[in-house]
Amino acid sequence: MKEFTYLVTDELGIHARPAGLLAKLAKTYPGTTVTVTKGETTVKASQLMKLMGLGVKQGDHVTVTAEGPAEEEAIIAMKKFFEENL
């Protein structure tokens, strides 16, 4: 399992556009589960509505994990996505 913690700097947090792109990216790693955790709540990054339901705002810390056969590639791609979009 690979993971990283990220401080969200986007003023709108994880809103519809980046959440949709994030869910789409997470689905490109079949057999690998990518999750996003805020506080005590963890959701699969591939589930758009649950991802948006986390209510991630600017200044929130989230933990992203990847577990499975492509976890290394997935976590690198996720970290890059968060740095460029959130």
Protein backbone atom coordinates (compact mmCIF):
# COMPACT_ATOMS: atom_id res chain seq x y z
CA MET A 1 0.00 0.00 0.00
CA LYS A 2 1.26 3.47 -0.94
CA GLU A 3 -0.09 6.75 0.40
CA PHE A 4 0.46 10.47 0.71
CA THR A 5 -1.18 13.34 2.58
CA TYR A 6 -2.06 16.53 0.75
CA LEU A 7 -3.15 20.01 1.84
CA VAL A 8 -5.85 21.22 -0.56
CA THR A 9 -5.02 24.74 -1.78
CA ASP A 10 -7.70 25.19 -4.46
CA GLU A 11 -10.14 27.83 -3.19
CA LEU A 12 -13.13 25.65 -4.15
CA GLY A 13 -11.69 22.40 -2.78
CA ILE A 14 -12.68 19.17 -4.54
CA HIS A 15 -15.60 20.42 -6.62
CA ALA A 16 -17.31 18.86 -9.66
CA ARG A 17 -14.65 19.34 -12.35
CA PRO A 18 -11.60 18.03 -10.47
CA ALA A 19 -13.68 15.32 -8.77
CA GLY A 20 -14.80 14.03 -12.17
CA LEU A 21 -11.25 14.04 -13.51
CA LEU A 22 -9.98 12.36 -10.35
CA ALA A 23 -12.61 9.60 -10.57
CA LYS A 24 -11.78 9.04 -14.23
CA LEU A 25 -8.06 8.80 -13.44
CA ALA A 26 -8.66 6.35 -10.57
CA LYS A 27 -10.58 4.05 -12.93
CA THR A 28 -7.53 3.69 -15.21
CA TYR A 29 -5.88 1.34 -12.70
CA PRO A 30 -8.01 -1.83 -12.75
CA GLY A 31 -7.43 -4.10 -9.77
CA THR A 32 -5.93 -1.24 -7.77
CA THR A 33 -8.08 0.49 -5.18
CA VAL A 34 -7.48 4.22 -4.79
CA THR A 35 -9.09 5.92 -1.79
CA VAL A 36 -9.34 9.46 -0.44
CA THR A 37 -9.71 10.03 3.30
CA LYS A 38 -10.82 13.21 5.06
CA GLY A 39 -11.01 12.91 8.82
CA GLU A 40 -12.67 9.60 9.64
CA THR A 41 -14.34 9.16 6.24
CA THR A 42 -12.76 7.15 3.42
CA VAL A 43 -14.21 6.78 -0.08
CA LYS A 44 -13.05 5.18 -3.30
CA ALA A 45 -11.64 7.83 -5.61
CA SER A 46 -13.47 6.21 -8.53
CA GLN A 47 -16.89 6.97 -6.99
CA LEU A 48 -17.66 10.54 -8.07
CA MET A 49 -20.65 11.30 -5.84
CA LYS A 50 -19.03 9.87 -2.72
CA LEU A 51 -15.85 11.80 -3.50
CA MET A 52 -17.81 15.05 -3.75
CA GLY A 53 -19.70 14.07 -0.60
CA LEU A 54 -16.50 14.32 1.43
CA GLY A 55 -16.91 18.09 1.28
CA VAL A 56 -13.19 18.78 0.91
CA LYS A 57 -12.52 22.52 1.13
CA GLN A 58 -9.46 24.72 0.85
CA GLY A 59 -7.16 24.09 3.83
CA ASP A 60 -8.33 20.50 4.41
CA HIS A 61 -5.82 17.67 4.61
CA VAL A 62 -6.67 14.48 2.74
CA THR A 63 -4.85 11.16 2.61
CA VAL A 64 -4.73 9.32 -0.69
CA THR A 65 -3.93 5.61 -0.73
CA ALA A 66 -3.45 3.08 -3.50
CA GLU A 67 -3.44 -0.67 -2.97
CA GLY A 68 -3.10 -3.31 -5.65
CA PRO A 69 -0.92 -4.40 -8.55
CA ALA A 70 -0.51 -0.87 -10.00
CA GLU A 71 -0.27 0.98 -6.69
CA GLU A 72 3.11 2.55 -7.45
CA GLU A 73 1.96 4.00 -10.79
CA ALA A 74 -1.42 5.02 -9.35
CA ILE A 75 0.01 6.90 -6.37
CA ILE A 76 2.48 8.78 -8.59
CA ALA A 77 -0.34 9.79 -10.95
CA MET A 78 -2.61 10.80 -8.05
CA LYS A 79 0.07 12.93 -6.41
CA LYS A 80 0.75 14.68 -9.71
CA PHE A 81 -2.99 15.25 -10.23
CA PHE A 82 -3.45 16.76 -6.75
CA GLU A 83 -0.42 19.04 -7.16
CA GLU A 84 -1.60 20.29 -10.55
CA ASN A 85 -5.35 20.59 -9.87
CA LEU A 86 -6.00 20.96 -6.16
